[in-house]
């Protein structure tokens, strides 16, 4: 499957989900990364007009979870996030943010991801570590 087909499938799976509600779109994929973007606007603001940390965390978890699917047999296995830690470095009021997940550890039962969230000016907004568990489907 080529890059555009992978991105199309990922974005189609996001219909009627939180990712669609937040405007998260997968935009790039490579052998060792997956990137998504989200617009920063009032829909993802907290009451003081800044990017909500929960929206940022949802972006990070969406990318980290989706990236793990490249390393499993989706007919026999599924991914569940079991830990998410996130440090918010800089606030953001408008524009776009981009989350890129890169694999740190790919084991049989767990995957560990670093997710860096930057803005359109390449400024670091947040950094995240996410752990996924690989489970057998029943």
C-alpha atoms as a PDB file:
ATOM      1  CA  UNK A   1       0.000   0.000   0.000  1.00  0.00           C
ATOM      2  CA  UNK A   2       1.396   3.422  -0.899  1.00  0.00           C
ATOM      3  CA  UNK A   3       1.538   6.523   1.280  1.00  0.00           C
ATOM      4  CA  UNK A   4      -1.594   8.185  -0.110  1.00  0.00           C
ATOM      5  CA  UNK A   5      -3.643   4.987   0.342  1.00  0.00           C
ATOM      6  CA  UNK A   6      -2.468   4.625   3.948  1.00  0.00           C
ATOM      7  CA  UNK A   7      -3.373   8.243   4.754  1.00  0.00           C
ATOM      8  CA  UNK A   8      -6.743   7.890   3.035  1.00  0.00           C
ATOM      9  CA  UNK A   9      -7.552   4.782   5.108  1.00  0.00           C
ATOM     10  CA  UNK A  10      -6.463   6.417   8.359  1.00  0.00           C
ATOM     11  CA  UNK A  11      -8.570   9.503   7.675  1.00  0.00           C
ATOM     12  CA  UNK A  12     -11.595   7.401   6.658  1.00  0.00           C
ATOM     13  CA  UNK A  13     -11.357   5.477   9.958  1.00  0.00           C
ATOM     14  CA  UNK A  14     -11.590   8.815  11.791  1.00  0.00           C
ATOM     15  CA  UNK A  15     -15.123   9.588  10.579  1.00  0.00           C
ATOM     16  CA  UNK A  16     -17.667   9.927  13.413  1.00  0.00           C
ATOM     17  CA  UNK A  17     -14.914   9.909  16.057  1.00  0.00           C
ATOM     18  CA  UNK A  18     -13.222  12.385  18.360  1.00  0.00           C
ATOM     19  CA  UNK A  19     -10.551  12.882  15.687  1.00  0.00           C
ATOM     20  CA  UNK A  20     -13.196  14.206  13.293  1.00  0.00           C
ATOM     21  CA  UNK A  21     -14.709  16.403  16.026  1.00  0.00           C
ATOM     22  CA  UNK A  22     -11.297  17.969  16.753  1.00  0.00           C
ATOM     23  CA  UNK A  23     -10.391  18.277  13.065  1.00  0.00           C
ATOM     24  CA  UNK A  24      -7.415  15.902  13.271  1.00  0.00           C
ATOM     25  CA  UNK A  25      -6.124  14.844   9.858  1.00  0.00           C
ATOM     26  CA  UNK A  26      -3.319  12.385   9.102  1.00  0.00           C
ATOM     27  CA  UNK A  27      -1.003  14.064   6.607  1.00  0.00           C
ATOM     28  CA  UNK A  28       2.277  12.117   6.347  1.00  0.00           C
ATOM     29  CA  UNK A  29       3.611   8.650   6.991  1.00  0.00           C
ATOM     30  CA  UNK A  30       7.011   7.041   6.635  1.00  0.00           C
ATOM     31  CA  UNK A  31       8.773   3.881   7.731  1.00  0.00           C
ATOM     32  CA  UNK A  32       9.422   5.230  11.219  1.00  0.00           C
ATOM     33  CA  UNK A  33       6.822   7.987  11.769  1.00  0.00           C
ATOM     34  CA  UNK A  34       3.236   9.138  11.397  1.00  0.00           C
ATOM     35  CA  UNK A  35       2.164  12.805  11.352  1.00  0.00           C
ATOM     36  CA  UNK A  36      -1.232  14.427  11.835  1.00  0.00           C
ATOM     37  CA  UNK A  37      -2.325  18.054  11.997  1.00  0.00           C
ATOM     38  CA  UNK A  38      -4.993  19.931  13.900  1.00  0.00           C
ATOM     39  CA  UNK A  39      -6.146  23.519  13.467  1.00  0.00           C
ATOM     40  CA  UNK A  40      -6.001  25.700  16.562  1.00  0.00           C
ATOM     41  CA  UNK A  41      -9.265  27.604  16.784  1.00  0.00           C
ATOM     42  CA  UNK A  42     -12.054  28.182  19.346  1.00  0.00           C
ATOM     43  CA  UNK A  43     -13.277  24.594  18.858  1.00  0.00           C
ATOM     44  CA  UNK A  44     -10.096  23.296  20.598  1.00  0.00           C
ATOM     45  CA  UNK A  45      -9.541  26.232  22.997  1.00  0.00           C
ATOM     46  CA  UNK A  46      -9.871  26.257  26.752  1.00  0.00           C
ATOM     47  CA  UNK A  47     -11.840  29.190  28.278  1.00  0.00           C
ATOM     48  CA  UNK A  48      -8.823  31.567  28.108  1.00  0.00           C
ATOM     49  CA  UNK A  49      -8.491  31.258  24.336  1.00  0.00           C
ATOM     50  CA  UNK A  50      -5.513  28.905  24.257  1.00  0.00           C
ATOM     51  CA  UNK A  51      -5.130  25.397  22.871  1.00  0.00           C
ATOM     52  CA  UNK A  52      -6.684  23.015  25.394  1.00  0.00           C
ATOM     53  CA  UNK A  53      -4.268  20.477  26.883  1.00  0.00           C
ATOM     54  CA  UNK A  54      -6.900  17.771  26.487  1.00  0.00           C
ATOM     55  CA  UNK A  55      -7.184  18.456  22.750  1.00  0.00           C
ATOM     56  CA  UNK A  56      -3.392  18.304  22.515  1.00  0.00           C
ATOM     57  CA  UNK A  57      -3.379  14.996  24.402  1.00  0.00           C
ATOM     58  CA  UNK A  58      -6.113  13.611  22.124  1.00  0.00           C
ATOM     59  CA  UNK A  59      -4.001  14.555  19.096  1.00  0.00           C
ATOM     60  CA  UNK A  60      -0.929  12.852  20.566  1.00  0.00           C
ATOM     61  CA  UNK A  61      -2.811   9.695  21.546  1.00  0.00           C
ATOM     62  CA  UNK A  62      -4.532   9.480  18.155  1.00  0.00           C
ATOM     63  CA  UNK A  63      -1.211   9.567  16.307  1.00  0.00           C
ATOM     64  CA  UNK A  64       0.557   7.187  18.708  1.00  0.00           C
ATOM     65  CA  UNK A  65      -2.259   4.655  18.584  1.00  0.00           C
ATOM     66  CA  UNK A  66      -2.624   4.779  14.813  1.00  0.00           C
ATOM     67  CA  UNK A  67       1.134   4.392  14.346  1.00  0.00           C
ATOM     68  CA  UNK A  68       1.163   1.152  16.365  1.00  0.00           C
ATOM     69  CA  UNK A  69      -1.196  -0.418  13.846  1.00  0.00           C
ATOM     70  CA  UNK A  70       1.649  -0.572  11.319  1.00  0.00           C
ATOM     71  CA  UNK A  71       3.465  -3.104  13.520  1.00  0.00           C
ATOM     72  CA  UNK A  72       0.679  -5.579  14.267  1.00  0.00           C
ATOM     73  CA  UNK A  73      -1.450  -8.139  12.465  1.00  0.00           C
ATOM     74  CA  UNK A  74      -4.748  -6.232  12.568  1.00  0.00           C
ATOM     75  CA  UNK A  75      -6.686  -9.404  11.740  1.00  0.00           C
ATOM     76  CA  UNK A  76      -5.487 -11.029  14.983  1.00  0.00           C
ATOM     77  CA  UNK A  77      -4.403  -8.169  17.248  1.00  0.00           C
ATOM     78  CA  UNK A  78      -5.537  -4.773  18.473  1.00  0.00           C
ATOM     79  CA  UNK A  79      -3.904  -1.809  20.207  1.00  0.00           C
ATOM     80  CA  UNK A  80      -4.948  -0.105  23.430  1.00  0.00           C
ATOM     81  CA  UNK A  81      -3.202   2.901  24.904  1.00  0.00           C
ATOM     82  CA  UNK A  82      -2.168   2.238  28.503  1.00  0.00           C
ATOM     83  CA  UNK A  83      -0.148   5.327  29.405  1.00  0.00           C
ATOM     84  CA  UNK A  84       0.138   8.866  28.126  1.00  0.00           C
ATOM     85  CA  UNK A  85       2.388  11.535  29.595  1.00  0.00           C
ATOM     86  CA  UNK A  86       2.516  14.978  28.082  1.00  0.00           C
ATOM     87  CA  UNK A  87       4.438  18.141  28.834  1.00  0.00           C
ATOM     88  CA  UNK A  88       3.020  21.386  27.463  1.00  0.00           C
ATOM     89  CA  UNK A  89       5.932  23.657  26.573  1.00  0.00           C
ATOM     90  CA  UNK A  90       4.305  26.611  24.854  1.00  0.00           C
ATOM     91  CA  UNK A  91       0.761  27.941  24.500  1.00  0.00           C
ATOM     92  CA  UNK A  92      -0.935  28.383  21.142  1.00  0.00           C
ATOM     93  CA  UNK A  93      -3.950  30.562  20.238  1.00  0.00           C
ATOM     94  CA  UNK A  94      -4.334  30.129  16.481  1.00  0.00           C
ATOM     95  CA  UNK A  95      -2.766  28.416  13.513  1.00  0.00           C
ATOM     96  CA  UNK A  96      -1.980  24.721  13.229  1.00  0.00           C
ATOM     97  CA  UNK A  97      -0.172  22.083  15.237  1.00  0.00           C
ATOM     98  CA  UNK A  98       1.493  18.960  13.873  1.00  0.00           C
ATOM     99  CA  UNK A  99       2.010  15.781  15.890  1.00  0.00           C
ATOM    100  CA  UNK A 100       4.655  13.291  14.782  1.00  0.00           C
ATOM    101  CA  UNK A 101       4.911   9.893  16.456  1.00  0.00           C
ATOM    102  CA  UNK A 102       8.249   8.056  16.306  1.00  0.00           C
ATOM    103  CA  UNK A 103       8.777   4.595  17.717  1.00  0.00           C
ATOM    104  CA  UNK A 104      11.143   4.218  20.669  1.00  0.00           C
ATOM    105  CA  UNK A 105      10.425   0.550  21.453  1.00  0.00           C
ATOM    106  CA  UNK A 106       8.574  -2.071  19.425  1.00  0.00           C
ATOM    107  CA  UNK A 107       8.073  -5.212  21.503  1.00  0.00           C
ATOM    108  CA  UNK A 108       5.739  -8.181  21.144  1.00  0.00           C
ATOM    109  CA  UNK A 109       3.365  -6.872  23.790  1.00  0.00           C
ATOM    110  CA  UNK A 110       4.112  -3.142  24.131  1.00  0.00           C
ATOM    111  CA  UNK A 111       5.040  -0.217  21.904  1.00  0.00           C
ATOM    112  CA  UNK A 112       6.541   3.024  23.186  1.00  0.00           C
ATOM    113  CA  UNK A 113       6.197   6.241  21.166  1.00  0.00           C
ATOM    114  CA  UNK A 114       7.552   9.755  21.387  1.00  0.00           C
ATOM    115  CA  UNK A 115       5.085  12.279  19.991  1.00  0.00           C
ATOM    116  CA  UNK A 116       6.403  15.782  19.330  1.00  0.00           C
ATOM    117  CA  UNK A 117       3.830  18.496  18.695  1.00  0.00           C
ATOM    118  CA  UNK A 118       5.072  21.550  16.843  1.00  0.00           C
ATOM    119  CA  UNK A 119       3.364  24.522  15.233  1.00  0.00           C
ATOM    120  CA  UNK A 120       3.600  25.904  11.694  1.00  0.00           C
ATOM    121  CA  UNK A 121       6.718  27.854  12.759  1.00  0.00           C
ATOM    122  CA  UNK A 122       8.460  24.674  13.963  1.00  0.00           C
ATOM    123  CA  UNK A 123       8.088  25.783  17.618  1.00  0.00           C
ATOM    124  CA  UNK A 124       7.787  22.934  20.118  1.00  0.00           C
ATOM    125  CA  UNK A 125       4.317  23.104  21.706  1.00  0.00           C
ATOM    126  CA  UNK A 126       4.179  19.786  23.602  1.00  0.00           C
ATOM    127  CA  UNK A 127       6.096  16.556  23.926  1.00  0.00           C
ATOM    128  CA  UNK A 128       4.495  13.258  24.778  1.00  0.00           C
ATOM    129  CA  UNK A 129       5.410   9.685  25.628  1.00  0.00           C
ATOM    130  CA  UNK A 130       2.785   7.034  24.891  1.00  0.00           C
ATOM    131  CA  UNK A 131       2.718   3.327  25.689  1.00  0.00           C
ATOM    132  CA  UNK A 132       0.410   0.936  23.835  1.00  0.00           C
ATOM    133  CA  UNK A 133      -0.345  -2.662  24.688  1.00  0.00           C
ATOM    134  CA  UNK A 134      -0.769  -5.252  21.929  1.00  0.00           C
ATOM    135  CA  UNK A 135      -3.691  -7.592  22.654  1.00  0.00           C
ATOM    136  CA  UNK A 136      -4.981 -10.649  20.865  1.00  0.00           C
ATOM    137  CA  UNK A 137      -8.496 -10.304  19.471  1.00  0.00           C
ATOM    138  CA  UNK A 138     -10.971 -12.710  21.020  1.00  0.00           C
END
